[in-house]
Amino acid sequence: MYRTLFRKIHNTHKALEPGKPFQVPLGTLQAGLAWMGVEMDLDEVECILVNLIFRKYVKGYISHKSRVLVLSKQEPFPKLSSVLLNDPS
């Protein structure tokens, strides 16, 4: 669920911020979660993202200093069928 929501937020962010389409502020993701009725602080959002990145559901990294999710320019949200085959757990 989080992956799908973050993918949709990324697509919206890409349209609104064409200068930095692959740098999504954590506050934007937090606002998207709040819009869905899920209240979290930025540390909790970061924790969810870390787990999604670790499990390879999202390709990218978190710039903790800038509070930004930096996504891969090539397939930042890989197909789930390819992820499940390579799941580290």
N, C-alpha and C. Protein backbone atom coordinates (compact mmCIF):
# COMPACT_ATOMS: atom_id res chain seq x y z
N MET A 1 0.81 -1.17 0.00
CA MET A 1 0.00 0.00 0.00
C MET A 1 0.87 1.26 0.00
N TYR A 2 1.91 1.28 0.85
CA TYR A 2 2.78 2.45 0.92
C TYR A 2 3.49 2.68 -0.41
N ARG A 3 3.95 1.61 -1.02
CA ARG A 3 4.66 1.72 -2.29
C ARG A 3 3.77 2.34 -3.36
N THR A 4 2.54 1.90 -3.45
CA THR A 4 1.61 2.42 -4.43
C THR A 4 1.31 3.90 -4.18
N LEU A 5 1.09 4.25 -2.93
CA LEU A 5 0.84 5.65 -2.59
C LEU A 5 2.05 6.52 -2.91
N PHE A 6 3.24 6.06 -2.54
CA PHE A 6 4.45 6.84 -2.81
C PHE A 6 4.71 6.97 -4.31
N ARG A 7 4.36 5.94 -5.07
CA ARG A 7 4.51 6.01 -6.53
C ARG A 7 3.59 7.09 -7.10
N LYS A 8 2.35 7.13 -6.62
CA LYS A 8 1.40 8.14 -7.09
C LYS A 8 1.84 9.54 -6.68
N ILE A 9 2.37 9.67 -5.46
CA ILE A 9 2.88 10.97 -5.02
C ILE A 9 4.06 11.39 -5.88
N HIS A 10 4.93 10.45 -6.21
CA HIS A 10 6.07 10.74 -7.08
C HIS A 10 5.61 11.24 -8.45
N ASN A 11 4.60 10.58 -9.02
CA ASN A 11 4.09 10.99 -10.33
C ASN A 11 3.52 12.41 -10.28
N THR A 12 2.82 12.73 -9.21
CA THR A 12 2.28 14.08 -9.04
C THR A 12 3.41 15.09 -8.84
N HIS A 13 4.38 14.72 -8.02
CA HIS A 13 5.53 15.60 -7.76
C HIS A 13 6.30 15.87 -9.05
N LYS A 14 6.45 14.84 -9.86
CA LYS A 14 7.18 14.96 -11.13
C LYS A 14 6.50 15.98 -12.05
N ALA A 15 5.17 16.00 -12.03
CA ALA A 15 4.44 16.96 -12.87
C ALA A 15 4.54 18.38 -12.32
N LEU A 16 4.55 18.50 -10.98
CA LEU A 16 4.58 19.83 -10.36
C LEU A 16 5.98 20.43 -10.26
N GLU A 17 6.99 19.59 -10.16
CA GLU A 17 8.38 20.03 -10.01
C GLU A 17 9.25 19.43 -11.11
N PRO A 18 9.13 19.89 -12.34
CA PRO A 18 9.91 19.28 -13.43
C PRO A 18 11.42 19.49 -13.29
N GLY A 19 11.85 20.44 -12.48
CA GLY A 19 13.29 20.68 -12.28
C GLY A 19 13.95 19.61 -11.43
N LYS A 20 13.22 19.06 -10.49
CA LYS A 20 13.75 18.01 -9.60
C LYS A 20 12.73 16.88 -9.47
N PRO A 21 12.47 16.17 -10.55
CA PRO A 21 11.41 15.16 -10.51
C PRO A 21 11.74 13.92 -9.68
N PHE A 22 13.02 13.66 -9.44
CA PHE A 22 13.40 12.46 -8.72
C PHE A 22 13.83 12.74 -7.28
N GLN A 23 13.60 13.96 -6.82
CA GLN A 23 13.89 14.34 -5.44
C GLN A 23 12.58 14.73 -4.77
N VAL A 24 12.01 13.79 -4.02
CA VAL A 24 10.72 14.01 -3.39
C VAL A 24 10.95 14.33 -1.91
N PRO A 25 10.54 15.51 -1.46
CA PRO A 25 10.69 15.84 -0.05
C PRO A 25 9.87 14.89 0.83
N LEU A 26 10.44 14.50 1.97
CA LEU A 26 9.73 13.61 2.87
C LEU A 26 8.44 14.26 3.37
N GLY A 27 8.43 15.59 3.47
CA GLY A 27 7.23 16.30 3.89
C GLY A 27 6.08 16.11 2.91
N THR A 28 6.40 15.98 1.62
CA THR A 28 5.38 15.73 0.61
C THR A 28 4.77 14.34 0.81
N LEU A 29 5.62 13.37 1.10
CA LEU A 29 5.12 12.01 1.36
C LEU A 29 4.29 11.98 2.64
N GLN A 30 4.74 12.73 3.65
CA GLN A 30 4.01 12.82 4.91
C GLN A 30 2.63 13.45 4.67
N ALA A 31 2.58 14.48 3.84
CA ALA A 31 1.30 15.13 3.53
C ALA A 31 0.36 14.17 2.79
N GLY A 32 0.92 13.36 1.90
CA GLY A 32 0.11 12.37 1.20
C GLY A 32 -0.47 11.34 2.14
N LEU A 33 0.33 10.91 3.10
CA LEU A 33 -0.17 9.97 4.11
C LEU A 33 -1.26 10.62 4.96
N ALA A 34 -1.06 11.89 5.34
CA ALA A 34 -2.05 12.59 6.15
C ALA A 34 -3.35 12.74 5.38
N TRP A 35 -3.25 12.99 4.07
CA TRP A 35 -4.44 13.10 3.24
C TRP A 35 -5.23 11.79 3.23
N MET A 36 -4.51 10.68 3.36
CA MET A 36 -5.16 9.36 3.41
C MET A 36 -5.65 9.02 4.82
N GLY A 37 -5.37 9.90 5.78
CA GLY A 37 -5.83 9.67 7.15
C GLY A 37 -4.81 8.99 8.05
N VAL A 38 -3.56 8.91 7.59
CA VAL A 38 -2.50 8.27 8.36
C VAL A 38 -1.55 9.37 8.85
N GLU A 39 -1.60 9.65 10.13
CA GLU A 39 -0.74 10.69 10.71
C GLU A 39 0.59 10.06 11.15
N MET A 40 1.70 10.58 10.62
CA MET A 40 3.04 10.10 10.96
C MET A 40 3.98 11.28 11.04
N ASP A 41 5.03 11.14 11.84
CA ASP A 41 6.06 12.17 11.81
C ASP A 41 7.09 11.78 10.74
N LEU A 42 8.01 12.68 10.46
CA LEU A 42 8.98 12.44 9.37
C LEU A 42 9.87 11.23 9.64
N ASP A 43 10.18 10.95 10.90
CA ASP A 43 11.02 9.79 11.20
C ASP A 43 10.30 8.49 10.86
N GLU A 44 8.99 8.44 11.08
CA GLU A 44 8.23 7.24 10.73
C GLU A 44 8.15 7.06 9.22
N VAL A 45 7.97 8.15 8.50
CA VAL A 45 7.95 8.10 7.03
C VAL A 45 9.30 7.59 6.53
N GLU A 46 10.36 8.10 7.11
CA GLU A 46 11.71 7.68 6.73
C GLU A 46 11.92 6.19 7.01
N CYS A 47 11.40 5.71 8.11
CA CYS A 47 11.52 4.29 8.47
C CYS A 47 10.81 3.40 7.45
N ILE A 48 9.63 3.80 7.04
CA ILE A 48 8.89 3.04 6.02
C ILE A 48 9.67 3.01 4.72
N LEU A 49 10.21 4.16 4.33
CA LEU A 49 10.99 4.23 3.09
C LEU A 49 12.24 3.36 3.16
N VAL A 50 12.91 3.36 4.30
CA VAL A 50 14.11 2.53 4.46
C VAL A 50 13.77 1.06 4.24
N ASN A 51 12.65 0.63 4.78
CA ASN A 51 12.24 -0.76 4.59
C ASN A 51 11.87 -1.06 3.14
N LEU A 52 11.19 -0.14 2.48
CA LEU A 52 10.85 -0.34 1.07
C LEU A 52 12.10 -0.40 0.21
N ILE A 53 13.09 0.43 0.52
CA ILE A 53 14.34 0.42 -0.24
C ILE A 53 15.11 -0.86 0.04
N PHE A 54 15.16 -1.30 1.31
CA PHE A 54 15.88 -2.52 1.67
C PHE A 54 15.29 -3.74 0.96
N ARG A 55 13.97 -3.79 0.88
CA ARG A 55 13.31 -4.92 0.23
C ARG A 55 13.24 -4.78 -1.29
N LYS A 56 13.83 -3.69 -1.82
CA LYS A 56 13.94 -3.43 -3.25
C LYS A 56 12.60 -3.15 -3.92
N TYR A 57 11.63 -2.68 -3.15
CA TYR A 57 10.36 -2.23 -3.72
C TYR A 57 10.50 -0.83 -4.29
N VAL A 58 11.50 -0.09 -3.82
CA VAL A 58 11.79 1.25 -4.30
C VAL A 58 13.29 1.33 -4.55
N LYS A 59 13.68 1.92 -5.68
CA LYS A 59 15.10 2.11 -5.98
C LYS A 59 15.46 3.56 -5.70
N GLY A 60 16.34 3.76 -4.77
CA GLY A 60 16.77 5.10 -4.42
C GLY A 60 17.44 5.12 -3.07
N TYR A 61 17.58 6.31 -2.53
CA TYR A 61 18.14 6.47 -1.19
C TYR A 61 17.54 7.70 -0.53
N ILE A 62 17.74 7.82 0.77
CA ILE A 62 17.22 8.96 1.52
C ILE A 62 18.38 9.86 1.90
N SER A 63 18.24 11.13 1.57
CA SER A 63 19.19 12.13 2.04
C SER A 63 18.64 12.65 3.36
N HIS A 64 19.20 12.10 4.44
CA HIS A 64 18.69 12.43 5.77
C HIS A 64 18.89 13.92 6.08
N LYS A 65 20.00 14.45 5.67
CA LYS A 65 20.31 15.86 5.94
C LYS A 65 19.30 16.78 5.26
N SER A 66 18.96 16.49 4.01
CA SER A 66 18.03 17.32 3.25
C SER A 66 16.58 16.91 3.42
N ARG A 67 16.35 15.75 4.06
CA ARG A 67 14.99 15.21 4.24
C ARG A 67 14.31 15.02 2.89
N VAL A 68 15.03 14.32 1.99
CA VAL A 68 14.56 14.10 0.63
C VAL A 68 14.75 12.64 0.25
N LEU A 69 13.77 12.09 -0.44
CA LEU A 69 13.89 10.78 -1.06
C LEU A 69 14.42 11.00 -2.47
N VAL A 70 15.58 10.44 -2.77
CA VAL A 70 16.17 10.57 -4.11
C VAL A 70 15.94 9.24 -4.82
N LEU A 71 15.14 9.28 -5.86
CA LEU A 71 14.76 8.07 -6.59
C LEU A 71 15.66 7.84 -7.79
N SER A 72 15.79 6.59 -8.16
CA SER A 72 16.53 6.22 -9.36
C SER A 72 15.82 6.78 -10.58
N LYS A 73 16.61 7.21 -11.56
CA LYS A 73 16.01 7.75 -12.79
C LYS A 73 15.47 6.65 -13.69
N GLN A 74 15.94 5.44 -13.49
CA GLN A 74 15.48 4.30 -14.29
C GLN A 74 14.70 3.35 -13.41
N GLU A 75 13.41 3.29 -13.63
CA GLU A 75 12.51 2.38 -12.93
C GLU A 75 12.62 2.50 -11.40
N PRO A 76 12.21 3.65 -10.84
CA PRO A 76 12.29 3.83 -9.39
C PRO A 76 11.36 2.90 -8.61
N PHE A 77 10.29 2.45 -9.27
CA PHE A 77 9.35 1.51 -8.65
C PHE A 77 9.27 0.28 -9.54
N PRO A 78 10.18 -0.69 -9.34
CA PRO A 78 10.22 -1.86 -10.22
C PRO A 78 8.95 -2.70 -10.11
N LYS A 79 8.71 -3.47 -11.13
CA LYS A 79 7.54 -4.36 -11.13
C LYS A 79 7.64 -5.32 -9.95
N LEU A 80 6.51 -5.56 -9.33
CA LEU A 80 6.51 -6.42 -8.14
C LEU A 80 6.93 -7.86 -8.47
N SER A 81 6.65 -8.31 -9.67
CA SER A 81 7.02 -9.68 -10.03
C SER A 81 8.54 -9.84 -10.03
N SER A 82 9.28 -8.83 -10.42
CA SER A 82 10.74 -8.92 -10.41
C SER A 82 11.30 -8.75 -9.01
N VAL A 83 10.61 -8.02 -8.17
CA VAL A 83 11.06 -7.81 -6.80
C VAL A 83 10.88 -9.06 -5.96
N LEU A 84 9.76 -9.71 -6.10
CA LEU A 84 9.48 -10.88 -5.29
C LEU A 84 10.48 -12.00 -5.52
N LEU A 85 11.01 -12.11 -6.74
CA LEU A 85 11.99 -13.13 -7.03
C LEU A 85 13.33 -12.86 -6.33
N ASN A 86 13.63 -11.59 -6.12
CA ASN A 86 14.90 -11.21 -5.53
C ASN A 86 14.76 -10.73 -4.10
N ASP A 87 13.68 -11.04 -3.42
CA ASP A 87 13.41 -10.56 -2.06
C ASP A 87 14.50 -11.08 -1.13
N PRO A 88 15.19 -10.20 -0.38
CA PRO A 88 16.30 -10.62 0.47
C PRO A 88 15.89 -11.40 1.70
N SER A 89 14.61 -11.37 2.07
CA SER A 89 14.23 -12.07 3.31
C SER A 89 13.79 -13.48 3.08
